[in-house]
């Protein structure tokens, strides 16, 4: 069953994981975005694809993305949620002039609900809050 509180927990956990070194995406993803001339790249977690058409990711980045998608499924399972109740889910990484993400946005929408978004900075804090990171 899709519950907003559980969905928010899922995307918070995924956003924190996504900006960490545990996702195995960084700094390679940032370097590939820079070489592609992009400041953002978006991954569709349900459709299992990179939705930023101009992005040309390496084999290693695609493998890391697949691992991130598996982590998303594990987090869903731990929150007792099922993919069948989710209409869409995506994760977007934004870069400035660095190889580490400046921000991460996770979005999830249930079959009969509005999308929920969470945005965190490069060290996992809610975006635009003052921090010592």
C-alpha atoms as a PDB file:
ATOM      1  CA  UNK A   1       0.000   0.000   0.000  1.00  0.00           C
ATOM      2  CA  UNK A   2       1.205   3.504  -0.820  1.00  0.00           C
ATOM      3  CA  UNK A   3       1.420   5.788   2.185  1.00  0.00           C
ATOM      4  CA  UNK A   4       2.773   9.312   1.914  1.00  0.00           C
ATOM      5  CA  UNK A   5       4.740   9.042   5.163  1.00  0.00           C
ATOM      6  CA  UNK A   6       6.432   5.832   3.981  1.00  0.00           C
ATOM      7  CA  UNK A   7       7.055   7.295   0.512  1.00  0.00           C
ATOM      8  CA  UNK A   8       8.726  10.347   2.054  1.00  0.00           C
ATOM      9  CA  UNK A   9      10.932   8.054   4.129  1.00  0.00           C
ATOM     10  CA  UNK A  10      11.904   6.106   0.996  1.00  0.00           C
ATOM     11  CA  UNK A  11      12.991   9.161  -0.962  1.00  0.00           C
ATOM     12  CA  UNK A  12      14.815  10.688   2.013  1.00  0.00           C
ATOM     13  CA  UNK A  13      16.798   7.485   2.418  1.00  0.00           C
ATOM     14  CA  UNK A  14      17.489   7.245  -1.303  1.00  0.00           C
ATOM     15  CA  UNK A  15      18.601  10.893  -1.543  1.00  0.00           C
ATOM     16  CA  UNK A  16      21.031  10.411   1.344  1.00  0.00           C
ATOM     17  CA  UNK A  17      22.365   7.231  -0.215  1.00  0.00           C
ATOM     18  CA  UNK A  18      22.581   8.892  -3.638  1.00  0.00           C
ATOM     19  CA  UNK A  19      24.885  11.715  -2.530  1.00  0.00           C
ATOM     20  CA  UNK A  20      27.079   9.415  -0.456  1.00  0.00           C
ATOM     21  CA  UNK A  21      30.109   7.524  -1.683  1.00  0.00           C
ATOM     22  CA  UNK A  22      28.119   4.333  -1.074  1.00  0.00           C
ATOM     23  CA  UNK A  23      26.223   4.898  -4.325  1.00  0.00           C
ATOM     24  CA  UNK A  24      29.458   4.410  -6.317  1.00  0.00           C
ATOM     25  CA  UNK A  25      28.331   7.160  -8.716  1.00  0.00           C
ATOM     26  CA  UNK A  26      30.627   9.929  -7.580  1.00  0.00           C
ATOM     27  CA  UNK A  27      32.935  11.493  -8.698  1.00  0.00           C
ATOM     28  CA  UNK A  28      32.616   9.660 -12.046  1.00  0.00           C
ATOM     29  CA  UNK A  29      29.060  10.911 -12.655  1.00  0.00           C
ATOM     30  CA  UNK A  30      30.114  14.530 -12.150  1.00  0.00           C
ATOM     31  CA  UNK A  31      33.048  14.165 -14.501  1.00  0.00           C
ATOM     32  CA  UNK A  32      30.831  12.589 -17.177  1.00  0.00           C
ATOM     33  CA  UNK A  33      28.265  15.380 -16.794  1.00  0.00           C
ATOM     34  CA  UNK A  34      30.993  17.983 -17.222  1.00  0.00           C
ATOM     35  CA  UNK A  35      32.350  16.262 -20.330  1.00  0.00           C
ATOM     36  CA  UNK A  36      28.780  16.062 -21.718  1.00  0.00           C
ATOM     37  CA  UNK A  37      28.237  19.767 -20.973  1.00  0.00           C
ATOM     38  CA  UNK A  38      25.448  19.053 -18.472  1.00  0.00           C
ATOM     39  CA  UNK A  39      24.736  20.422 -15.017  1.00  0.00           C
ATOM     40  CA  UNK A  40      22.029  17.856 -14.173  1.00  0.00           C
ATOM     41  CA  UNK A  41      21.312  14.225 -14.925  1.00  0.00           C
ATOM     42  CA  UNK A  42      18.087  12.381 -14.114  1.00  0.00           C
ATOM     43  CA  UNK A  43      17.517   8.667 -13.638  1.00  0.00           C
ATOM     44  CA  UNK A  44      14.076   7.061 -13.883  1.00  0.00           C
ATOM     45  CA  UNK A  45      13.924   4.431 -11.156  1.00  0.00           C
ATOM     46  CA  UNK A  46      10.786   2.720 -12.460  1.00  0.00           C
ATOM     47  CA  UNK A  47      11.454   2.810 -16.196  1.00  0.00           C
ATOM     48  CA  UNK A  48      15.049   1.790 -15.536  1.00  0.00           C
ATOM     49  CA  UNK A  49      16.571   4.438 -17.799  1.00  0.00           C
ATOM     50  CA  UNK A  50      18.529   7.650 -17.891  1.00  0.00           C
ATOM     51  CA  UNK A  51      16.056  10.333 -18.919  1.00  0.00           C
ATOM     52  CA  UNK A  52      18.652  13.016 -19.674  1.00  0.00           C
ATOM     53  CA  UNK A  53      19.110  12.331 -23.381  1.00  0.00           C
ATOM     54  CA  UNK A  54      22.372  14.248 -23.782  1.00  0.00           C
ATOM     55  CA  UNK A  55      24.079  12.221 -21.053  1.00  0.00           C
ATOM     56  CA  UNK A  56      26.527   9.621 -22.235  1.00  0.00           C
ATOM     57  CA  UNK A  57      27.412   7.485 -19.242  1.00  0.00           C
ATOM     58  CA  UNK A  58      30.190   4.962 -19.005  1.00  0.00           C
ATOM     59  CA  UNK A  59      29.632   1.277 -18.345  1.00  0.00           C
ATOM     60  CA  UNK A  60      30.716   1.799 -14.733  1.00  0.00           C
ATOM     61  CA  UNK A  61      28.215   4.618 -14.239  1.00  0.00           C
ATOM     62  CA  UNK A  62      25.416   2.488 -15.664  1.00  0.00           C
ATOM     63  CA  UNK A  63      26.367  -0.354 -13.323  1.00  0.00           C
ATOM     64  CA  UNK A  64      26.357   2.061 -10.374  1.00  0.00           C
ATOM     65  CA  UNK A  65      22.936   3.337 -11.487  1.00  0.00           C
ATOM     66  CA  UNK A  66      21.632  -0.247 -11.559  1.00  0.00           C
ATOM     67  CA  UNK A  67      22.937  -0.727  -8.016  1.00  0.00           C
ATOM     68  CA  UNK A  68      21.190   2.514  -6.978  1.00  0.00           C
ATOM     69  CA  UNK A  69      17.951   1.229  -8.486  1.00  0.00           C
ATOM     70  CA  UNK A  70      18.370  -2.027  -6.528  1.00  0.00           C
ATOM     71  CA  UNK A  71      18.914   0.019  -3.366  1.00  0.00           C
ATOM     72  CA  UNK A  72      15.679   1.881  -4.132  1.00  0.00           C
ATOM     73  CA  UNK A  73      13.837  -1.444  -4.337  1.00  0.00           C
ATOM     74  CA  UNK A  74      15.393  -2.597  -1.052  1.00  0.00           C
ATOM     75  CA  UNK A  75      14.370   0.631   0.674  1.00  0.00           C
ATOM     76  CA  UNK A  76      10.828   0.194  -0.666  1.00  0.00           C
ATOM     77  CA  UNK A  77      10.742  -3.330   0.690  1.00  0.00           C
ATOM     78  CA  UNK A  78      12.012  -2.204   4.106  1.00  0.00           C
ATOM     79  CA  UNK A  79       9.171   0.348   4.227  1.00  0.00           C
ATOM     80  CA  UNK A  80       6.682  -2.392   3.251  1.00  0.00           C
ATOM     81  CA  UNK A  81       5.890  -0.731  -0.085  1.00  0.00           C
ATOM     82  CA  UNK A  82       5.516  -2.355  -3.474  1.00  0.00           C
ATOM     83  CA  UNK A  83       6.438  -1.058  -6.931  1.00  0.00           C
ATOM     84  CA  UNK A  84       2.910  -1.775  -8.130  1.00  0.00           C
ATOM     85  CA  UNK A  85       1.617   1.146  -6.034  1.00  0.00           C
ATOM     86  CA  UNK A  86       4.118   3.628  -7.455  1.00  0.00           C
ATOM     87  CA  UNK A  87       3.418   5.541 -10.648  1.00  0.00           C
ATOM     88  CA  UNK A  88       6.807   7.229 -10.980  1.00  0.00           C
ATOM     89  CA  UNK A  89      10.105   7.609  -9.155  1.00  0.00           C
ATOM     90  CA  UNK A  90      13.227   9.475 -10.204  1.00  0.00           C
ATOM     91  CA  UNK A  91      16.489  10.824  -8.862  1.00  0.00           C
ATOM     92  CA  UNK A  92      18.250  13.901 -10.222  1.00  0.00           C
ATOM     93  CA  UNK A  93      21.815  14.928  -9.491  1.00  0.00           C
ATOM     94  CA  UNK A  94      22.908  18.528 -10.033  1.00  0.00           C
ATOM     95  CA  UNK A  95      26.490  19.650 -10.446  1.00  0.00           C
ATOM     96  CA  UNK A  96      28.193  23.011 -10.456  1.00  0.00           C
ATOM     97  CA  UNK A  97      31.872  22.986 -11.350  1.00  0.00           C
ATOM     98  CA  UNK A  98      32.729  19.989  -9.229  1.00  0.00           C
ATOM     99  CA  UNK A  99      32.620  16.247  -9.647  1.00  0.00           C
ATOM    100  CA  UNK A 100      30.586  15.766  -6.451  1.00  0.00           C
ATOM    101  CA  UNK A 101      26.861  16.633  -6.684  1.00  0.00           C
ATOM    102  CA  UNK A 102      25.749  20.035  -5.482  1.00  0.00           C
ATOM    103  CA  UNK A 103      22.255  18.665  -4.879  1.00  0.00           C
ATOM    104  CA  UNK A 104      20.093  15.584  -5.268  1.00  0.00           C
ATOM    105  CA  UNK A 105      16.333  15.605  -5.883  1.00  0.00           C
ATOM    106  CA  UNK A 106      14.282  12.454  -5.347  1.00  0.00           C
ATOM    107  CA  UNK A 107      10.698  12.344  -6.553  1.00  0.00           C
ATOM    108  CA  UNK A 108       8.062   9.678  -6.040  1.00  0.00           C
ATOM    109  CA  UNK A 109       4.372   9.559  -6.948  1.00  0.00           C
ATOM    110  CA  UNK A 110       1.795   6.969  -6.028  1.00  0.00           C
ATOM    111  CA  UNK A 111      -0.849   5.707  -8.407  1.00  0.00           C
ATOM    112  CA  UNK A 112      -3.434   8.085  -6.961  1.00  0.00           C
ATOM    113  CA  UNK A 113      -1.358  10.852  -5.344  1.00  0.00           C
ATOM    114  CA  UNK A 114       0.636  13.940  -6.188  1.00  0.00           C
ATOM    115  CA  UNK A 115       4.414  13.670  -6.470  1.00  0.00           C
ATOM    116  CA  UNK A 116       6.532  14.148  -3.349  1.00  0.00           C
ATOM    117  CA  UNK A 117       9.979  15.722  -3.730  1.00  0.00           C
ATOM    118  CA  UNK A 118      12.973  15.826  -1.438  1.00  0.00           C
ATOM    119  CA  UNK A 119      16.060  17.915  -2.180  1.00  0.00           C
ATOM    120  CA  UNK A 120      19.314  17.474  -0.274  1.00  0.00           C
ATOM    121  CA  UNK A 121      22.704  19.113  -0.633  1.00  0.00           C
ATOM    122  CA  UNK A 122      26.018  17.351  -1.198  1.00  0.00           C
ATOM    123  CA  UNK A 123      26.281  16.222   2.408  1.00  0.00           C
ATOM    124  CA  UNK A 124      22.676  15.117   2.873  1.00  0.00           C
ATOM    125  CA  UNK A 125      21.152  18.175   4.539  1.00  0.00           C
ATOM    126  CA  UNK A 126      17.890  19.661   3.360  1.00  0.00           C
ATOM    127  CA  UNK A 127      18.866  21.912   0.491  1.00  0.00           C
ATOM    128  CA  UNK A 128      19.364  25.632   1.154  1.00  0.00           C
ATOM    129  CA  UNK A 129      19.678  25.222   4.919  1.00  0.00           C
ATOM    130  CA  UNK A 130      22.838  26.606   6.475  1.00  0.00           C
ATOM    131  CA  UNK A 131      25.261  23.872   7.362  1.00  0.00           C
ATOM    132  CA  UNK A 132      28.905  23.397   8.226  1.00  0.00           C
ATOM    133  CA  UNK A 133      29.525  20.774   5.540  1.00  0.00           C
END
